[in-house]
C-alpha atoms as a PDB file:
ATOM      1  CA  TYR A   1      32.270  -2.438  40.379  1.00  0.00           C
ATOM      2  CA  LEU A   2      33.294  -1.225  37.046  1.00  0.00           C
ATOM      3  CA  ARG A   3      30.391   0.073  35.885  1.00  0.00           C
ATOM      4  CA  HIS A   4      29.710   2.093  39.232  1.00  0.00           C
ATOM      5  CA  HIS A   5      33.574   3.487  39.436  1.00  0.00           C
ATOM      6  CA  ALA A   6      35.133   3.414  36.337  1.00  0.00           C
ATOM      7  CA  ASP A   7      34.269   7.296  36.171  1.00  0.00           C
ATOM      8  CA  GLU A   8      35.940   7.619  39.279  1.00  0.00           C
ATOM      9  CA  THR A   9      39.270   6.184  38.414  1.00  0.00           C
ATOM     10  CA  ALA A  10      39.274   8.005  34.635  1.00  0.00           C
ATOM     11  CA  LYS A  11      38.630  11.711  37.142  1.00  0.00           C
ATOM     12  CA  ALA A  12      41.418  10.565  38.955  1.00  0.00           C
ATOM     13  CA  GLU A  13      43.803   9.878  36.168  1.00  0.00           C
ATOM     14  CA  ASP A  14      42.712  13.033  34.618  1.00  0.00           C
ATOM     15  CA  LEU A  15      43.394  14.845  37.747  1.00  0.00           C
ATOM     16  CA  LEU A  16      47.194  13.479  38.226  1.00  0.00           C
ATOM     17  CA  THR A  17      48.128  13.923  34.616  1.00  0.00           C
ATOM     18  CA  ASN A  18      46.241  16.840  33.207  1.00  0.00           C
ATOM     19  CA  HIS A  19      45.714  19.221  35.920  1.00  0.00           C
ATOM     20  CA  PRO A  20      48.675  21.455  36.864  1.00  0.00           C
ATOM     21  CA  GLY A  21      47.570  21.898  40.544  1.00  0.00           C
ATOM     22  CA  TYR A  22      47.333  18.426  40.972  1.00  0.00           C
ATOM     23  CA  GLN A  23      50.896  17.774  39.708  1.00  0.00           C
ATOM     24  CA  GLU A  24      52.315  20.555  41.773  1.00  0.00           C
ATOM     25  CA  LEU A  25      51.152  19.464  44.882  1.00  0.00           C
ATOM     26  CA  LEU A  26      52.289  15.838  43.919  1.00  0.00           C
ATOM     27  CA  ALA A  27      55.563  16.541  42.530  1.00  0.00           C
ATOM     28  CA  PRO A  28      57.675  16.612  45.565  1.00  0.00           C
ATOM     29  CA  TYR A  29      56.957  13.079  45.948  1.00  0.00           C
ATOM     30  CA  PHE A  30      58.248  11.712  42.726  1.00  0.00           C
ATOM     31  CA  THR A  31      60.702  13.814  41.226  1.00  0.00           C
ATOM     32  CA  PRO A  32      64.353  13.622  42.232  1.00  0.00           C
ATOM     33  CA  LYS A  33      65.482  15.016  46.081  1.00  0.00           C
ATOM     34  CA  SER A  34      68.197  17.057  44.736  1.00  0.00           C
ATOM     35  CA  ALA A  35      68.000  20.301  42.362  1.00  0.00           C
ATOM     36  CA  LYS A  36      71.404  18.707  40.461  1.00  0.00           C
ATOM     37  CA  LEU A  37      69.279  15.691  39.228  1.00  0.00           C
ATOM     38  CA  GLN A  38      65.955  17.696  38.535  1.00  0.00           C
ATOM     39  CA  ALA A  39      67.608  19.641  36.410  1.00  0.00           C
ATOM     40  CA  TRP A  40      69.430  16.917  34.559  1.00  0.00           C
ATOM     41  CA  VAL A  41      65.887  15.606  33.848  1.00  0.00           C
ATOM     42  CA  ASN A  42      64.334  18.812  33.001  1.00  0.00           C
ATOM     43  CA  THR A  43      67.676  19.718  30.202  1.00  0.00           C
ATOM     44  CA  PRO A  44      66.412  19.358  26.722  1.00  0.00           C
ATOM     45  CA  TYR A  45      67.969  16.002  24.865  1.00  0.00           C
ATOM     46  CA  GLU A  46      67.774  14.775  21.564  1.00  0.00           C
ATOM     47  CA  ARG A  47      64.717  11.998  21.529  1.00  0.00           C
ATOM     48  CA  ASN A  48      64.070   9.219  18.930  1.00  0.00           C
ATOM     49  CA  MET A  49      61.734  10.979  16.318  1.00  0.00           C
ATOM     50  CA  SER A  50      61.311   7.466  14.354  1.00  0.00           C
ATOM     51  CA  HIS A  51      57.710   6.070  15.055  1.00  0.00           C
ATOM     52  CA  PRO A  52      55.885   8.578  16.854  1.00  0.00           C
ATOM     53  CA  GLU A  53      52.930   6.762  16.170  1.00  0.00           C
ATOM     54  CA  ASN A  54      54.043   4.032  18.688  1.00  0.00           C
ATOM     55  CA  LEU A  55      54.127   6.244  21.454  1.00  0.00           C
ATOM     56  CA  VAL A  56      50.802   5.083  22.437  1.00  0.00           C
ATOM     57  CA  HIS A  57      51.340   4.634  26.474  1.00  0.00           C
ATOM     58  CA  ARG A  58      51.038   7.069  28.524  1.00  0.00           C
ATOM     59  CA  THR A  59      53.179   7.282  31.733  1.00  0.00           C
ATOM     60  CA  SER A  60      52.010   8.693  35.506  1.00  0.00           C
ATOM     61  CA  ASN A  61      54.523  11.462  34.436  1.00  0.00           C
ATOM     62  CA  GLY A  62      53.183  12.251  31.474  1.00  0.00           C
ATOM     63  CA  ILE A  63      55.439  10.712  28.983  1.00  0.00           C
ATOM     64  CA  PHE A  64      54.656   8.460  26.241  1.00  0.00           C
ATOM     65  CA  VAL A  65      56.269   5.219  25.561  1.00  0.00           C
ATOM     66  CA  ARG A  66      55.904   2.202  23.174  1.00  0.00           C
ATOM     67  CA  SER A  67      55.065  -0.115  25.417  1.00  0.00           C
ATOM     68  CA  LYS A  68      53.388  -2.042  28.756  1.00  0.00           C
ATOM     69  CA  SER A  69      56.398  -2.938  30.080  1.00  0.00           C
ATOM     70  CA  GLU A  70      58.377   0.193  29.257  1.00  0.00           C
ATOM     71  CA  ALA A  71      55.493   2.010  31.215  1.00  0.00           C
ATOM     72  CA  MET A  72      56.171  -0.014  34.153  1.00  0.00           C
ATOM     73  CA  ILE A  73      59.541   0.508  34.105  1.00  0.00           C
ATOM     74  CA  ALA A  74      59.011   4.379  33.824  1.00  0.00           C
ATOM     75  CA  LEU A  75      56.470   3.668  36.877  1.00  0.00           C
ATOM     76  CA  PHE A  76      58.850   2.430  38.945  1.00  0.00           C
ATOM     77  CA  LEU A  77      61.694   4.801  38.263  1.00  0.00           C
ATOM     78  CA  TYR A  78      59.316   7.800  38.637  1.00  0.00           C
ATOM     79  CA  THR A  79      57.761   6.599  41.633  1.00  0.00           C
ATOM     80  CA  ASN A  80      61.023   6.113  43.561  1.00  0.00           C
ATOM     81  CA  GLN A  81      62.651   9.297  42.622  1.00  0.00           C
ATOM     82  CA  ILE A  82      65.145   7.866  40.125  1.00  0.00           C
ATOM     83  CA  PRO A  83      65.776  10.535  37.464  1.00  0.00           C
ATOM     84  CA  PHE A  84      65.504   9.230  34.021  1.00  0.00           C
ATOM     85  CA  ARG A  85      65.423  10.327  30.146  1.00  0.00           C
ATOM     86  CA  TYR A  86      63.244   8.039  27.641  1.00  0.00           C
ATOM     87  CA  GLU A  87      64.899   7.241  24.323  1.00  0.00           C
ATOM     88  CA  CYS A  88      67.852   9.877  24.965  1.00  0.00           C
ATOM     89  CA  ALA A  89      70.151   9.665  21.915  1.00  0.00           C
ATOM     90  CA  LEU A  90      73.172   8.091  22.743  1.00  0.00           C
ATOM     91  CA  SER A  91      76.274   8.128  20.288  1.00  0.00           C
ATOM     92  CA  LEU A  92      78.688   5.034  19.858  1.00  0.00           C
ATOM     93  CA  GLY A  93      81.373   4.559  16.943  1.00  0.00           C
ATOM     94  CA  GLY A  94      79.223   7.200  14.418  1.00  0.00           C
ATOM     95  CA  MET A  95      76.179   5.671  15.415  1.00  0.00           C
ATOM     96  CA  THR A  96      73.180   6.751  17.462  1.00  0.00           C
ATOM     97  CA  LEU A  97      70.828   4.614  19.484  1.00  0.00           C
ATOM     98  CA  TYR A  98      68.302   5.654  21.365  1.00  0.00           C
ATOM     99  CA  PRO A  99      68.248   3.544  24.927  1.00  0.00           C
ATOM    100  CA  ASP A 100      65.002   2.669  26.354  1.00  0.00           C
ATOM    101  CA  PHE A 101      66.079   4.726  29.194  1.00  0.00           C
ATOM    102  CA  THR A 102      69.044   6.820  30.599  1.00  0.00           C
ATOM    103  CA  ILE A 103      69.491   6.843  33.938  1.00  0.00           C
ATOM    104  CA  LEU A 104      71.280   8.968  36.263  1.00  0.00           C
ATOM    105  CA  HIS A 105      71.799   7.396  39.659  1.00  0.00           C
ATOM    106  CA  PRO A 106      70.055   9.085  42.418  1.00  0.00           C
ATOM    107  CA  HIS A 107      73.456   8.705  44.854  1.00  0.00           C
ATOM    108  CA  THR A 108      76.395   8.558  42.746  1.00  0.00           C
ATOM    109  CA  GLU A 109      75.087  10.485  39.378  1.00  0.00           C
ATOM    110  CA  LYS A 110      76.811   7.677  37.696  1.00  0.00           C
ATOM    111  CA  VAL A 111      74.970   7.057  34.322  1.00  0.00           C
ATOM    112  CA  TYR A 112      73.162   3.730  33.320  1.00  0.00           C
ATOM    113  CA  TYR A 113      71.112   2.469  30.513  1.00  0.00           C
ATOM    114  CA  TYR A 114      68.408   0.562  30.617  1.00  0.00           C
ATOM    115  CA  GLU A 115      67.208  -1.560  27.753  1.00  0.00           C
ATOM    116  CA  HIS A 116      63.982  -3.504  27.789  1.00  0.00           C
ATOM    117  CA  PHE A 117      63.956  -6.043  25.301  1.00  0.00           C
ATOM    118  CA  GLY A 118      60.125  -7.660  24.529  1.00  0.00           C
ATOM    119  CA  MET A 119      59.831  -9.685  21.777  1.00  0.00           C
ATOM    120  CA  MET A 120      62.615 -12.208  22.233  1.00  0.00           C
ATOM    121  CA  ASP A 121      60.703 -15.061  21.000  1.00  0.00           C
ATOM    122  CA  ASP A 122      61.142 -13.371  17.274  1.00  0.00           C
ATOM    123  CA  ALA A 123      64.036 -14.893  15.710  1.00  0.00           C
ATOM    124  CA  MET A 124      64.500 -11.432  13.781  1.00  0.00           C
ATOM    125  CA  TYR A 125      64.414  -9.251  16.808  1.00  0.00           C
ATOM    126  CA  ALA A 126      66.815 -11.399  18.757  1.00  0.00           C
ATOM    127  CA  LYS A 127      69.285 -10.858  16.529  1.00  0.00           C
ATOM    128  CA  ASN A 128      68.866  -7.405  16.889  1.00  0.00           C
ATOM    129  CA  THR A 129      69.284  -7.463  20.342  1.00  0.00           C
ATOM    130  CA  TYR A 130      72.373  -9.611  20.304  1.00  0.00           C
ATOM    131  CA  SER A 131      74.037  -7.089  17.803  1.00  0.00           C
ATOM    132  CA  LYS A 132      73.000  -3.953  19.699  1.00  0.00           C
ATOM    133  CA  LEU A 133      74.138  -6.008  22.997  1.00  0.00           C
ATOM    134  CA  GLN A 134      77.571  -6.620  21.122  1.00  0.00           C
ATOM    135  CA  LEU A 135      77.519  -2.466  19.973  1.00  0.00           C
ATOM    136  CA  TYR A 136      77.429  -1.674  23.675  1.00  0.00           C
ATOM    137  CA  ALA A 137      80.195  -3.763  25.029  1.00  0.00           C
ATOM    138  CA  ALA A 138      82.664  -2.499  22.108  1.00  0.00           C
ATOM    139  CA  HIS A 139      82.488   0.597  23.422  1.00  0.00           C
ATOM    140  CA  GLY A 140      82.701  -0.294  27.026  1.00  0.00           C
ATOM    141  CA  ILE A 141      79.116   0.053  28.170  1.00  0.00           C
ATOM    142  CA  VAL A 142      78.644  -3.634  29.974  1.00  0.00           C
ATOM    143  CA  PRO A 143      75.529  -5.719  30.229  1.00  0.00           C
ATOM    144  CA  SER A 144      74.859  -5.833  34.503  1.00  0.00           C
ATOM    145  CA  ILE A 145      77.347  -2.893  34.879  1.00  0.00           C
ATOM    146  CA  GLN A 146      76.389   0.427  33.121  1.00  0.00           C
ATOM    147  CA  LEU A 147      73.514  -1.609  31.110  1.00  0.00           C
ATOM    148  CA  ILE A 148      70.750  -2.745  32.734  1.00  0.00           C
ATOM    149  CA  THR A 149      68.678  -5.047  30.690  1.00  0.00           C
ATOM    150  CA  THR A 150      65.433  -7.177  30.874  1.00  0.00           C
ATOM    151  CA  TYR A 151      63.727  -9.450  28.487  1.00  0.00           C
ATOM    152  CA  GLU A 152      60.464 -10.916  27.519  1.00  0.00           C
ATOM    153  CA  THR A 153      58.323 -13.086  25.071  1.00  0.00           C
ATOM    154  CA  LYS A 154      54.873 -13.961  24.669  1.00  0.00           C
ATOM    155  CA  GLU A 155      54.707 -16.829  27.271  1.00  0.00           C
ATOM    156  CA  HIS A 156      57.036 -14.757  30.154  1.00  0.00           C
ATOM    157  CA  PRO A 157      56.353 -11.133  29.917  1.00  0.00           C
ATOM    158  CA  LEU A 158      58.093  -8.834  32.188  1.00  0.00           C
ATOM    159  CA  SER A 159      56.067  -8.348  35.757  1.00  0.00           C
ATOM    160  CA  TYR A 160      56.580  -5.168  38.059  1.00  0.00           C
ATOM    161  CA  GLU A 161      58.072  -7.158  40.368  1.00  0.00           C
ATOM    162  CA  GLU A 162      61.037  -8.386  37.973  1.00  0.00           C
ATOM    163  CA  ILE A 163      61.275  -4.185  37.229  1.00  0.00           C
ATOM    164  CA  SER A 164      61.372  -3.568  41.384  1.00  0.00           C
ATOM    165  CA  TRP A 165      63.744  -6.245  41.778  1.00  0.00           C
ATOM    166  CA  VAL A 166      66.185  -5.035  39.568  1.00  0.00           C
ATOM    167  CA  CYS A 167      65.940  -1.539  39.593  1.00  0.00           C
ATOM    168  CA  SER A 168      66.404  -1.658  43.478  1.00  0.00           C
ATOM    169  CA  HIS A 169      69.635  -3.282  43.274  1.00  0.00           C
ATOM    170  CA  TYR A 170      71.066  -0.948  40.977  1.00  0.00           C
ATOM    171  CA  PHE A 171      69.283   2.285  42.357  1.00  0.00           C
ATOM    172  CA  LEU A 172      67.720   1.723  46.138  1.00  0.00           C
END
């Protein structure tokens, strides 16, 4: 099957990501429903410029992210018309963080942050994760209130079902 149909899949992906006519045709099904939300998405913002070589996974809306899990999160947000920015600068007490996703709630227009922590079986990574969570909390951004978090290890990868469940709870 793959030998005979692999080219068709590649062509479909190319049409959706590289041809403006198809993007324009499908945009109403994926872009935020209000002009105000769409303007927020399109407004330029300061992005994380460190390690651009790690931005290797192209998402359905054409942005590049650092992991397959982030690509799945972006896919859910995009296909459910939930406005987001990827790695948008956030200043907290003189420090600049780049949350994986900054999300504008499609109904309430409140800002949420979504951090996915993908290497929790690495001791140093986990320690940095806890420090980052403390920094958020110290500045009034509380996990499970304004800060959405998901975690994974090699043994327990993040699933699309989990992303769907978490994001549906907050935004749908």
